[in-house]
Amino acid sequence: MNNGLFTYLAALLLFGSNGIIAAAIALPSSDIVLLRTFLGALSLVTILAITQRHKLQAPSRPREAAALLLSGAALGASWIFLFRAYQTIGVGVSSLLYYCGPIIVMALSPLIFGEKLTGGKITGFIAVACGAFLIAAQGLGGNMPIAGIVCGIASAFCYALMVIASKGAPHIEGLENSTLQVSAAFVTALVLTLITQSAPSFLSTGVAASIDWRAVAMLGIVNTGIGCLLYFSAVAKLPVQTVAVVGYLEPLSAVVFSAVLLGEAITPVRLMGAALIIGGAIFCELAGKRASAKAGIAQTARA
């Protein structure tokens, strides 16, 4: 296994454990995301200032920077919805619903980016939709709170908005890209927390004393700051197809971690839904790469 792939797998496993660590933090979802993004942004800004302060692209590309800030705001909202879903319907189901986001992007790409929706992509999209339906239907049938399912689906749509907005910044990449997005996510979490709670609950002395600050530090500094650093350093060294397909280890690991460490049930229907979502998403990715390769060959032949 090359170093790039090992680093990428480590980042994905860190991201997959987010819900497990969040389960140890007795705070509202907006507070957890606020602390996570603050520590994550602080870590990334520090690393960026040390390593790349003379190579920044954002100051000379204000429109792309604005697109990334919008993307980061969507990221912050998606995490708040996701962590709320963690608390109400469990880590495994929430993670699977969240990872319907890339398929939403693919479904909207013909309208937004003018991309062709091939038969393979449509097949994968249908599989993911069926998987999400199975999970949601079983959740409702098993008295799973509808608010949690709505939050899981909302997190997927915010994820899609994050990806779409980030397409407007093709020249701001890697660590700088991640730093801007996580910083914008922090501002978004702060604003939403102030609107919904007036003030973060962890500012109360009594609440602060009951928080597992080790879990907070792990989630913010390690899983977000170091996780993003590992992720972007690995992505630059790996083929795009490897990044796309192997990336689904994150929701898969979240399901496994939640079952092993939190005791969340994996029923046959939920397992089938997970297989449809992850399998359909990977099929979409592979179908997209094959279509792009064929288009490139055809264009070369016409030249």
C-alpha atoms as a PDB file:
ATOM      1  CA  MET A   1       0.000   0.000   0.000  1.00  0.00           C
ATOM      2  CA  ASN A   2       1.469   3.362  -1.000  1.00  0.00           C
ATOM      3  CA  ASN A   3       1.772   6.194   1.508  1.00  0.00           C
ATOM      4  CA  GLY A   4      -0.909   8.287  -0.215  1.00  0.00           C
ATOM      5  CA  LEU A   5      -3.520   5.551   0.033  1.00  0.00           C
ATOM      6  CA  PHE A   6      -2.584   4.752   3.645  1.00  0.00           C
ATOM      7  CA  THR A   7      -2.927   8.443   4.564  1.00  0.00           C
ATOM      8  CA  TYR A   8      -6.275   8.658   2.759  1.00  0.00           C
ATOM      9  CA  LEU A   9      -7.613   5.586   4.561  1.00  0.00           C
ATOM     10  CA  ALA A  10      -6.509   7.048   7.906  1.00  0.00           C
ATOM     11  CA  ALA A  11      -8.379  10.285   7.144  1.00  0.00           C
ATOM     12  CA  LEU A  12     -11.540   8.408   6.143  1.00  0.00           C
ATOM     13  CA  LEU A  13     -11.488   6.315   9.315  1.00  0.00           C
ATOM     14  CA  LEU A  14     -11.078   9.477  11.388  1.00  0.00           C
ATOM     15  CA  PHE A  15     -14.075  11.029   9.637  1.00  0.00           C
ATOM     16  CA  GLY A  16     -16.034   7.800  10.068  1.00  0.00           C
ATOM     17  CA  SER A  17     -15.519   7.981  13.840  1.00  0.00           C
ATOM     18  CA  ASN A  18     -16.981  11.511  14.154  1.00  0.00           C
ATOM     19  CA  GLY A  19     -20.354  10.272  15.324  1.00  0.00           C
ATOM     20  CA  ILE A  20     -18.802   7.929  17.877  1.00  0.00           C
ATOM     21  CA  ILE A  21     -16.828  10.747  19.461  1.00  0.00           C
ATOM     22  CA  ALA A  22     -19.796  13.136  19.296  1.00  0.00           C
ATOM     23  CA  ALA A  23     -21.856  10.591  21.253  1.00  0.00           C
ATOM     24  CA  ALA A  24     -19.572  11.274  24.236  1.00  0.00           C
ATOM     25  CA  ILE A  25     -20.249  15.035  24.154  1.00  0.00           C
ATOM     26  CA  ALA A  26     -23.400  15.978  26.053  1.00  0.00           C
ATOM     27  CA  LEU A  27     -24.222  19.162  24.140  1.00  0.00           C
ATOM     28  CA  PRO A  28     -26.744  20.297  21.510  1.00  0.00           C
ATOM     29  CA  SER A  29     -25.640  19.600  17.938  1.00  0.00           C
ATOM     30  CA  SER A  30     -25.013  23.281  17.156  1.00  0.00           C
ATOM     31  CA  ASP A  31     -22.688  23.574  20.177  1.00  0.00           C
ATOM     32  CA  ILE A  32     -20.761  20.453  19.154  1.00  0.00           C
ATOM     33  CA  VAL A  33     -20.311  21.773  15.615  1.00  0.00           C
ATOM     34  CA  LEU A  34     -19.343  25.202  16.964  1.00  0.00           C
ATOM     35  CA  LEU A  35     -16.561  23.715  19.097  1.00  0.00           C
ATOM     36  CA  ARG A  36     -15.510  21.330  16.347  1.00  0.00           C
ATOM     37  CA  THR A  37     -15.231  24.011  13.678  1.00  0.00           C
ATOM     38  CA  PHE A  38     -13.504  26.470  16.012  1.00  0.00           C
ATOM     39  CA  LEU A  39     -10.775  23.991  16.949  1.00  0.00           C
ATOM     40  CA  GLY A  40     -10.572  22.635  13.402  1.00  0.00           C
ATOM     41  CA  ALA A  41     -10.284  26.093  11.857  1.00  0.00           C
ATOM     42  CA  LEU A  42      -7.716  27.149  14.448  1.00  0.00           C
ATOM     43  CA  SER A  43      -5.617  24.059  13.690  1.00  0.00           C
ATOM     44  CA  LEU A  44      -5.851  24.546   9.918  1.00  0.00           C
ATOM     45  CA  VAL A  45      -5.098  28.285  10.053  1.00  0.00           C
ATOM     46  CA  THR A  46      -2.018  27.555  12.152  1.00  0.00           C
ATOM     47  CA  ILE A  47      -0.780  24.876   9.746  1.00  0.00           C
ATOM     48  CA  LEU A  48      -1.520  27.087   6.735  1.00  0.00           C
ATOM     49  CA  ALA A  49       0.299  30.058   8.266  1.00  0.00           C
ATOM     50  CA  ILE A  50       3.385  27.930   8.911  1.00  0.00           C
ATOM     51  CA  THR A  51       3.524  26.061   5.610  1.00  0.00           C
ATOM     52  CA  GLN A  52       1.828  28.083   2.874  1.00  0.00           C
ATOM     53  CA  ARG A  53       1.497  31.708   3.933  1.00  0.00           C
ATOM     54  CA  HIS A  54       3.331  32.952   0.813  1.00  0.00           C
ATOM     55  CA  LYS A  55       1.362  30.786  -1.638  1.00  0.00           C
ATOM     56  CA  LEU A  56      -2.230  31.839  -0.929  1.00  0.00           C
ATOM     57  CA  GLN A  57      -4.593  32.115  -3.916  1.00  0.00           C
ATOM     58  CA  ALA A  58      -7.685  33.547  -2.208  1.00  0.00           C
ATOM     59  CA  PRO A  59      -6.519  37.221  -1.982  1.00  0.00           C
ATOM     60  CA  SER A  60      -6.099  37.414  -5.752  1.00  0.00           C
ATOM     61  CA  ARG A  61      -9.291  35.445  -6.518  1.00  0.00           C
ATOM     62  CA  PRO A  62     -12.098  37.087  -4.490  1.00  0.00           C
ATOM     63  CA  ARG A  63     -14.927  35.443  -6.449  1.00  0.00           C
ATOM     64  CA  GLU A  64     -13.517  31.986  -5.857  1.00  0.00           C
ATOM     65  CA  ALA A  65     -12.967  32.815  -2.195  1.00  0.00           C
ATOM     66  CA  ALA A  66     -16.621  33.898  -1.947  1.00  0.00           C
ATOM     67  CA  ALA A  67     -17.709  30.591  -3.502  1.00  0.00           C
ATOM     68  CA  LEU A  68     -15.681  28.709  -0.905  1.00  0.00           C
ATOM     69  CA  LEU A  69     -17.175  30.754   1.920  1.00  0.00           C
ATOM     70  CA  LEU A  70     -20.660  29.830   0.660  1.00  0.00           C
ATOM     71  CA  SER A  71     -19.535  26.222   0.426  1.00  0.00           C
ATOM     72  CA  GLY A  72     -18.220  26.399   3.983  1.00  0.00           C
ATOM     73  CA  ALA A  73     -21.505  27.867   5.220  1.00  0.00           C
ATOM     74  CA  ALA A  74     -23.317  24.908   3.662  1.00  0.00           C
ATOM     75  CA  LEU A  75     -20.773  22.595   5.307  1.00  0.00           C
ATOM     76  CA  GLY A  76     -21.487  24.107   8.717  1.00  0.00           C
ATOM     77  CA  ALA A  77     -25.248  23.705   8.225  1.00  0.00           C
ATOM     78  CA  SER A  78     -24.812  20.121   7.009  1.00  0.00           C
ATOM     79  CA  TRP A  79     -22.791  19.226  10.107  1.00  0.00           C
ATOM     80  CA  ILE A  80     -25.395  20.752  12.427  1.00  0.00           C
ATOM     81  CA  PHE A  81     -28.150  18.711  10.749  1.00  0.00           C
ATOM     82  CA  LEU A  82     -25.926  15.618  10.738  1.00  0.00           C
ATOM     83  CA  PHE A  83     -24.985  15.841  14.416  1.00  0.00           C
ATOM     84  CA  ARG A  84     -28.637  16.433  15.306  1.00  0.00           C
ATOM     85  CA  ALA A  85     -29.481  13.290  13.339  1.00  0.00           C
ATOM     86  CA  TYR A  86     -26.733  11.420  15.207  1.00  0.00           C
ATOM     87  CA  GLN A  87     -28.467  12.267  18.467  1.00  0.00           C
ATOM     88  CA  THR A  88     -31.957  11.250  17.335  1.00  0.00           C
ATOM     89  CA  ILE A  89     -31.705   8.351  14.868  1.00  0.00           C
ATOM     90  CA  GLY A  90     -28.175   7.040  15.441  1.00  0.00           C
ATOM     91  CA  VAL A  91     -24.785   7.369  13.803  1.00  0.00           C
ATOM     92  CA  GLY A  92     -25.124   4.588  11.225  1.00  0.00           C
ATOM     93  CA  VAL A  93     -28.423   5.653   9.659  1.00  0.00           C
ATOM     94  CA  SER A  94     -27.459   9.333   9.757  1.00  0.00           C
ATOM     95  CA  SER A  95     -24.155   8.682   7.986  1.00  0.00           C
ATOM     96  CA  LEU A  96     -25.856   6.716   5.225  1.00  0.00           C
ATOM     97  CA  LEU A  97     -28.453   9.435   4.648  1.00  0.00           C
ATOM     98  CA  TYR A  98     -25.712  12.091   4.676  1.00  0.00           C
ATOM     99  CA  TYR A  99     -23.814  10.276   1.945  1.00  0.00           C
ATOM    100  CA  CYS A 100     -26.774  10.557  -0.406  1.00  0.00           C
ATOM    101  CA  GLY A 101     -25.376  14.082  -0.922  1.00  0.00           C
ATOM    102  CA  PRO A 102     -22.951  13.183  -3.742  1.00  0.00           C
ATOM    103  CA  ILE A 103     -25.771  11.472  -5.622  1.00  0.00           C
ATOM    104  CA  ILE A 104     -27.953  14.571  -5.281  1.00  0.00           C
ATOM    105  CA  VAL A 105     -25.117  16.520  -6.906  1.00  0.00           C
ATOM    106  CA  MET A 106     -24.933  13.991  -9.709  1.00  0.00           C
ATOM    107  CA  ALA A 107     -28.709  14.142 -10.252  1.00  0.00           C
ATOM    108  CA  LEU A 108     -28.606  17.953 -10.455  1.00  0.00           C
ATOM    109  CA  SER A 109     -25.469  18.144 -12.599  1.00  0.00           C
ATOM    110  CA  PRO A 110     -27.351  18.174 -15.945  1.00  0.00           C
ATOM    111  CA  LEU A 111     -29.292  21.252 -14.828  1.00  0.00           C
ATOM    112  CA  ILE A 112     -26.441  23.086 -13.105  1.00  0.00           C
ATOM    113  CA  PHE A 113     -23.311  22.034 -14.987  1.00  0.00           C
ATOM    114  CA  GLY A 114     -24.786  20.793 -18.261  1.00  0.00           C
ATOM    115  CA  GLU A 115     -23.349  17.312 -17.730  1.00  0.00           C
ATOM    116  CA  LYS A 116     -24.921  14.337 -19.468  1.00  0.00           C
ATOM    117  CA  LEU A 117     -26.854  11.943 -17.246  1.00  0.00           C
ATOM    118  CA  THR A 118     -25.943   8.497 -18.593  1.00  0.00           C
ATOM    119  CA  GLY A 119     -27.828   5.248 -18.133  1.00  0.00           C
ATOM    120  CA  GLY A 120     -25.216   4.025 -15.668  1.00  0.00           C
ATOM    121  CA  LYS A 121     -25.584   7.135 -13.525  1.00  0.00           C
ATOM    122  CA  ILE A 122     -29.370   6.843 -13.574  1.00  0.00           C
ATOM    123  CA  THR A 123     -29.146   3.193 -12.470  1.00  0.00           C
ATOM    124  CA  GLY A 124     -26.833   4.119  -9.602  1.00  0.00           C
ATOM    125  CA  PHE A 125     -29.066   7.028  -8.619  1.00  0.00           C
ATOM    126  CA  ILE A 126     -32.131   4.761  -8.485  1.00  0.00           C
ATOM    127  CA  ALA A 127     -30.219   2.275  -6.296  1.00  0.00           C
ATOM    128  CA  VAL A 128     -29.226   5.018  -3.851  1.00  0.00           C
ATOM    129  CA  ALA A 129     -32.776   6.400  -3.759  1.00  0.00           C
ATOM    130  CA  CYS A 130     -34.150   2.899  -3.028  1.00  0.00           C
ATOM    131  CA  GLY A 131     -31.571   2.432  -0.271  1.00  0.00           C
ATOM    132  CA  ALA A 132     -32.463   5.751   1.342  1.00  0.00           C
ATOM    133  CA  PHE A 133     -36.165   4.888   1.087  1.00  0.00           C
ATOM    134  CA  LEU A 134     -35.613   1.507   2.773  1.00  0.00           C
ATOM    135  CA  ILE A 135     -33.708   3.089   5.660  1.00  0.00           C
ATOM    136  CA  ALA A 136     -36.220   5.922   6.110  1.00  0.00           C
ATOM    137  CA  ALA A 137     -39.228   3.597   5.817  1.00  0.00           C
ATOM    138  CA  GLN A 138     -37.836   1.145   8.370  1.00  0.00           C
ATOM    139  CA  GLY A 139     -36.993   4.037  10.665  1.00  0.00           C
ATOM    140  CA  LEU A 140     -40.539   5.373  10.541  1.00  0.00           C
ATOM    141  CA  GLY A 141     -41.974   1.876  10.937  1.00  0.00           C
ATOM    142  CA  GLY A 142     -39.763   1.343  13.972  1.00  0.00           C
ATOM    143  CA  ASN A 143     -40.886   4.587  15.623  1.00  0.00           C
ATOM    144  CA  MET A 144     -37.668   6.368  14.683  1.00  0.00           C
ATOM    145  CA  PRO A 145     -38.220  10.130  15.141  1.00  0.00           C
ATOM    146  CA  ILE A 146     -39.236  11.717  11.851  1.00  0.00           C
ATOM    147  CA  ALA A 147     -37.348  14.870  12.865  1.00  0.00           C
ATOM    148  CA  GLY A 148     -34.114  12.866  12.896  1.00  0.00           C
ATOM    149  CA  ILE A 149     -34.752  11.441   9.434  1.00  0.00           C
ATOM    150  CA  VAL A 150     -35.565  14.941   8.150  1.00  0.00           C
ATOM    151  CA  CYS A 151     -32.283  16.199   9.649  1.00  0.00           C
ATOM    152  CA  GLY A 152     -30.376  13.351   7.963  1.00  0.00           C
ATOM    153  CA  ILE A 153     -31.918  14.183   4.583  1.00  0.00           C
ATOM    154  CA  ALA A 154     -31.348  17.921   5.137  1.00  0.00           C
ATOM    155  CA  SER A 155     -27.681  17.217   5.861  1.00  0.00           C
ATOM    156  CA  ALA A 156     -27.433  15.464   2.468  1.00  0.00           C
ATOM    157  CA  PHE A 157     -28.919  18.454   0.638  1.00  0.00           C
ATOM    158  CA  CYS A 158     -26.568  20.848   2.451  1.00  0.00           C
ATOM    159  CA  TYR A 159     -23.690  18.517   1.512  1.00  0.00           C
ATOM    160  CA  ALA A 160     -24.811  18.808  -2.117  1.00  0.00           C
ATOM    161  CA  LEU A 161     -24.893  22.615  -1.868  1.00  0.00           C
ATOM    162  CA  MET A 162     -21.387  22.539  -0.402  1.00  0.00           C
ATOM    163  CA  VAL A 163     -20.067  20.524  -3.350  1.00  0.00           C
ATOM    164  CA  ILE A 164     -21.861  22.654  -5.949  1.00  0.00           C
ATOM    165  CA  ALA A 165     -20.608  25.919  -4.446  1.00  0.00           C
ATOM    166  CA  SER A 166     -17.049  24.605  -4.202  1.00  0.00           C
ATOM    167  CA  LYS A 167     -17.055  24.067  -7.984  1.00  0.00           C
ATOM    168  CA  GLY A 168     -16.811  27.848  -8.267  1.00  0.00           C
ATOM    169  CA  ALA A 169     -13.265  27.809  -6.856  1.00  0.00           C
ATOM    170  CA  PRO A 170     -11.160  25.622  -9.167  1.00  0.00           C
ATOM    171  CA  HIS A 171      -7.871  27.404  -8.401  1.00  0.00           C
ATOM    172  CA  ILE A 172      -8.017  27.398  -4.586  1.00  0.00           C
ATOM    173  CA  GLU A 173      -7.086  23.884  -3.577  1.00  0.00           C
ATOM    174  CA  GLY A 174      -5.838  21.672  -0.789  1.00  0.00           C
ATOM    175  CA  LEU A 175      -5.148  23.070   2.652  1.00  0.00           C
ATOM    176  CA  GLU A 176      -6.152  26.639   1.759  1.00  0.00           C
ATOM    177  CA  ASN A 177      -9.487  25.390   0.411  1.00  0.00           C
ATOM    178  CA  SER A 178     -10.159  23.366   3.558  1.00  0.00           C
ATOM    179  CA  THR A 179      -9.139  26.219   5.865  1.00  0.00           C
ATOM    180  CA  LEU A 180     -11.567  28.655   4.209  1.00  0.00           C
ATOM    181  CA  GLN A 181     -14.421  26.163   4.287  1.00  0.00           C
ATOM    182  CA  VAL A 182     -13.978  25.100   7.921  1.00  0.00           C
ATOM    183  CA  SER A 183     -13.584  28.763   8.969  1.00  0.00           C
ATOM    184  CA  ALA A 184     -16.835  29.651   7.184  1.00  0.00           C
ATOM    185  CA  ALA A 185     -18.482  26.630   8.803  1.00  0.00           C
ATOM    186  CA  PHE A 186     -17.431  27.996  12.202  1.00  0.00           C
ATOM    187  CA  VAL A 187     -19.013  31.396  11.479  1.00  0.00           C
ATOM    188  CA  THR A 188     -22.203  29.674  10.308  1.00  0.00           C
ATOM    189  CA  ALA A 189     -22.367  27.494  13.415  1.00  0.00           C
ATOM    190  CA  LEU A 190     -21.790  30.555  15.604  1.00  0.00           C
ATOM    191  CA  VAL A 191     -24.578  32.545  13.935  1.00  0.00           C
ATOM    192  CA  LEU A 192     -27.054  29.648  14.096  1.00  0.00           C
ATOM    193  CA  THR A 193     -26.177  28.990  17.733  1.00  0.00           C
ATOM    194  CA  LEU A 194     -26.719  32.637  18.665  1.00  0.00           C
ATOM    195  CA  ILE A 195     -30.046  32.680  16.816  1.00  0.00           C
ATOM    196  CA  THR A 196     -31.396  29.450  18.313  1.00  0.00           C
ATOM    197  CA  GLN A 197     -29.876  29.549  21.807  1.00  0.00           C
ATOM    198  CA  SER A 198     -28.853  33.184  22.369  1.00  0.00           C
ATOM    199  CA  ALA A 199     -25.509  31.854  23.648  1.00  0.00           C
ATOM    200  CA  PRO A 200     -23.627  28.550  23.497  1.00  0.00           C
ATOM    201  CA  SER A 201     -24.660  26.343  26.404  1.00  0.00           C
ATOM    202  CA  PHE A 202     -21.049  25.366  27.165  1.00  0.00           C
ATOM    203  CA  LEU A 203     -20.412  28.909  28.390  1.00  0.00           C
ATOM    204  CA  SER A 204     -22.397  27.988  31.488  1.00  0.00           C
ATOM    205  CA  THR A 205     -20.068  26.893  34.278  1.00  0.00           C
ATOM    206  CA  GLY A 206     -22.270  23.969  35.235  1.00  0.00           C
ATOM    207  CA  VAL A 207     -22.519  22.677  31.665  1.00  0.00           C
ATOM    208  CA  ALA A 208     -18.813  23.196  30.987  1.00  0.00           C
ATOM    209  CA  ALA A 209     -17.892  21.114  34.023  1.00  0.00           C
ATOM    210  CA  SER A 210     -19.877  18.137  32.724  1.00  0.00           C
ATOM    211  CA  ILE A 211     -18.404  18.124  29.201  1.00  0.00           C
ATOM    212  CA  ASP A 212     -15.857  15.537  28.127  1.00  0.00           C
ATOM    213  CA  TRP A 213     -13.305  18.044  26.814  1.00  0.00           C
ATOM    214  CA  ARG A 214     -11.014  15.253  25.661  1.00  0.00           C
ATOM    215  CA  ALA A 215     -13.708  14.177  23.204  1.00  0.00           C
ATOM    216  CA  VAL A 216     -14.150  17.797  22.110  1.00  0.00           C
ATOM    217  CA  ALA A 217     -10.410  18.147  21.490  1.00  0.00           C
ATOM    218  CA  MET A 218     -10.319  14.844  19.628  1.00  0.00           C
ATOM    219  CA  LEU A 219     -13.212  15.838  17.383  1.00  0.00           C
ATOM    220  CA  GLY A 220     -11.953  19.349  16.672  1.00  0.00           C
ATOM    221  CA  ILE A 221      -8.174  19.055  16.542  1.00  0.00           C
ATOM    222  CA  VAL A 222      -7.594  15.452  15.475  1.00  0.00           C
ATOM    223  CA  ASN A 223     -10.664  14.461  13.427  1.00  0.00           C
ATOM    224  CA  THR A 224     -11.196  17.873  11.825  1.00  0.00           C
ATOM    225  CA  GLY A 225      -7.828  19.644  11.788  1.00  0.00           C
ATOM    226  CA  ILE A 226      -5.435  16.730  11.332  1.00  0.00           C
ATOM    227  CA  GLY A 227      -8.078  14.711   9.441  1.00  0.00           C
ATOM    228  CA  CYS A 228      -8.439  17.452   6.813  1.00  0.00           C
ATOM    229  CA  LEU A 229      -4.657  17.805   6.558  1.00  0.00           C
ATOM    230  CA  LEU A 230      -4.275  14.047   5.957  1.00  0.00           C
ATOM    231  CA  TYR A 231      -7.181  14.036   3.529  1.00  0.00           C
ATOM    232  CA  PHE A 232      -5.959  16.829   1.278  1.00  0.00           C
ATOM    233  CA  SER A 233      -2.336  15.735   1.342  1.00  0.00           C
ATOM    234  CA  ALA A 234      -3.433  12.254   0.210  1.00  0.00           C
ATOM    235  CA  VAL A 235      -5.942  13.365  -2.426  1.00  0.00           C
ATOM    236  CA  ALA A 236      -3.215  15.174  -4.353  1.00  0.00           C
ATOM    237  CA  LYS A 237      -1.268  11.898  -4.706  1.00  0.00           C
ATOM    238  CA  LEU A 238      -4.090   9.534  -5.691  1.00  0.00           C
ATOM    239  CA  PRO A 239      -6.066   8.962  -8.912  1.00  0.00           C
ATOM    240  CA  VAL A 240      -9.465  10.676  -8.925  1.00  0.00           C
ATOM    241  CA  GLN A 241     -11.283   7.351  -9.321  1.00  0.00           C
ATOM    242  CA  THR A 242      -9.510   5.908  -6.267  1.00  0.00           C
ATOM    243  CA  VAL A 243     -10.461   8.956  -4.206  1.00  0.00           C
ATOM    244  CA  ALA A 244     -14.105   8.728  -5.283  1.00  0.00           C
ATOM    245  CA  VAL A 245     -14.607   4.995  -4.784  1.00  0.00           C
ATOM    246  CA  VAL A 246     -12.480   4.450  -1.667  1.00  0.00           C
ATOM    247  CA  GLY A 247     -14.128   7.535  -0.129  1.00  0.00           C
ATOM    248  CA  TYR A 248     -17.211   5.471   0.640  1.00  0.00           C
ATOM    249  CA  LEU A 249     -15.199   3.744   3.341  1.00  0.00           C
ATOM    250  CA  GLU A 250     -16.220   6.698   5.531  1.00  0.00           C
ATOM    251  CA  PRO A 251     -19.977   5.952   5.764  1.00  0.00           C
ATOM    252  CA  LEU A 252     -19.261   2.208   5.803  1.00  0.00           C
ATOM    253  CA  SER A 253     -16.862   2.603   8.734  1.00  0.00           C
ATOM    254  CA  ALA A 254     -19.410   4.822  10.512  1.00  0.00           C
ATOM    255  CA  VAL A 255     -21.996   2.047  10.263  1.00  0.00           C
ATOM    256  CA  VAL A 256     -19.537  -0.561  11.569  1.00  0.00           C
ATOM    257  CA  PHE A 257     -18.249   1.688  14.382  1.00  0.00           C
ATOM    258  CA  SER A 258     -21.804   2.534  15.475  1.00  0.00           C
ATOM    259  CA  ALA A 259     -22.745  -1.153  15.611  1.00  0.00           C
ATOM    260  CA  VAL A 260     -19.620  -2.293  17.458  1.00  0.00           C
ATOM    261  CA  LEU A 261     -19.060   0.644  19.820  1.00  0.00           C
ATOM    262  CA  LEU A 262     -22.551   2.062  20.332  1.00  0.00           C
ATOM    263  CA  GLY A 263     -24.571  -1.137  19.980  1.00  0.00           C
ATOM    264  CA  GLU A 264     -26.738   0.204  17.139  1.00  0.00           C
ATOM    265  CA  ALA A 265     -28.683  -2.571  15.433  1.00  0.00           C
ATOM    266  CA  ILE A 266     -27.926  -3.584  11.853  1.00  0.00           C
ATOM    267  CA  THR A 267     -31.154  -5.170  10.639  1.00  0.00           C
ATOM    268  CA  PRO A 268     -31.378  -6.985   7.288  1.00  0.00           C
ATOM    269  CA  VAL A 269     -33.396  -4.110   5.798  1.00  0.00           C
ATOM    270  CA  ARG A 270     -30.894  -1.536   7.023  1.00  0.00           C
ATOM    271  CA  LEU A 271     -28.038  -3.654   5.692  1.00  0.00           C
ATOM    272  CA  MET A 272     -29.757  -3.850   2.310  1.00  0.00           C
ATOM    273  CA  GLY A 273     -30.278  -0.088   2.331  1.00  0.00           C
ATOM    274  CA  ALA A 274     -26.608   0.470   3.155  1.00  0.00           C
ATOM    275  CA  ALA A 275     -25.552  -1.845   0.317  1.00  0.00           C
ATOM    276  CA  LEU A 276     -27.817  -0.009  -2.149  1.00  0.00           C
ATOM    277  CA  ILE A 277     -26.583   3.441  -1.094  1.00  0.00           C
ATOM    278  CA  ILE A 278     -22.867   2.623  -1.066  1.00  0.00           C
ATOM    279  CA  GLY A 279     -23.010   0.260  -4.047  1.00  0.00           C
ATOM    280  CA  GLY A 280     -25.161   2.636  -6.094  1.00  0.00           C
ATOM    281  CA  ALA A 281     -22.889   5.570  -5.298  1.00  0.00           C
ATOM    282  CA  ILE A 282     -19.767   3.650  -6.318  1.00  0.00           C
ATOM    283  CA  PHE A 283     -21.521   2.490  -9.498  1.00  0.00           C
ATOM    284  CA  CYS A 284     -22.361   6.127 -10.308  1.00  0.00           C
ATOM    285  CA  GLU A 285     -18.750   7.151  -9.804  1.00  0.00           C
ATOM    286  CA  LEU A 286     -17.457   4.365 -12.037  1.00  0.00           C
ATOM    287  CA  ALA A 287     -20.095   5.055 -14.693  1.00  0.00           C
ATOM    288  CA  GLY A 288     -19.151   8.730 -14.676  1.00  0.00           C
ATOM    289  CA  LYS A 289     -15.469   7.954 -15.123  1.00  0.00           C
ATOM    290  CA  ARG A 290     -16.198   5.549 -17.997  1.00  0.00           C
ATOM    291  CA  ALA A 291     -18.390   8.146 -19.727  1.00  0.00           C
ATOM    292  CA  SER A 292     -15.679  10.812 -19.353  1.00  0.00           C
ATOM    293  CA  ALA A 293     -13.043   8.440 -20.737  1.00  0.00           C
ATOM    294  CA  LYS A 294     -15.188   7.590 -23.754  1.00  0.00           C
ATOM    295  CA  ALA A 295     -15.881  11.271 -24.404  1.00  0.00           C
ATOM    296  CA  GLY A 296     -12.150  11.993 -24.269  1.00  0.00           C
ATOM    297  CA  ILE A 297     -11.373   9.182 -26.723  1.00  0.00           C
ATOM    298  CA  ALA A 298     -14.073  10.392 -29.108  1.00  0.00           C
ATOM    299  CA  GLN A 299     -12.804  13.958 -28.949  1.00  0.00           C
ATOM    300  CA  THR A 300      -9.235  12.779 -29.643  1.00  0.00           C
ATOM    301  CA  ALA A 301     -10.441  10.777 -32.643  1.00  0.00           C
ATOM    302  CA  ARG A 302     -12.200  13.818 -34.116  1.00  0.00           C
ATOM    303  CA  ALA A 303      -9.123  16.018 -33.682  1.00  0.00           C
END
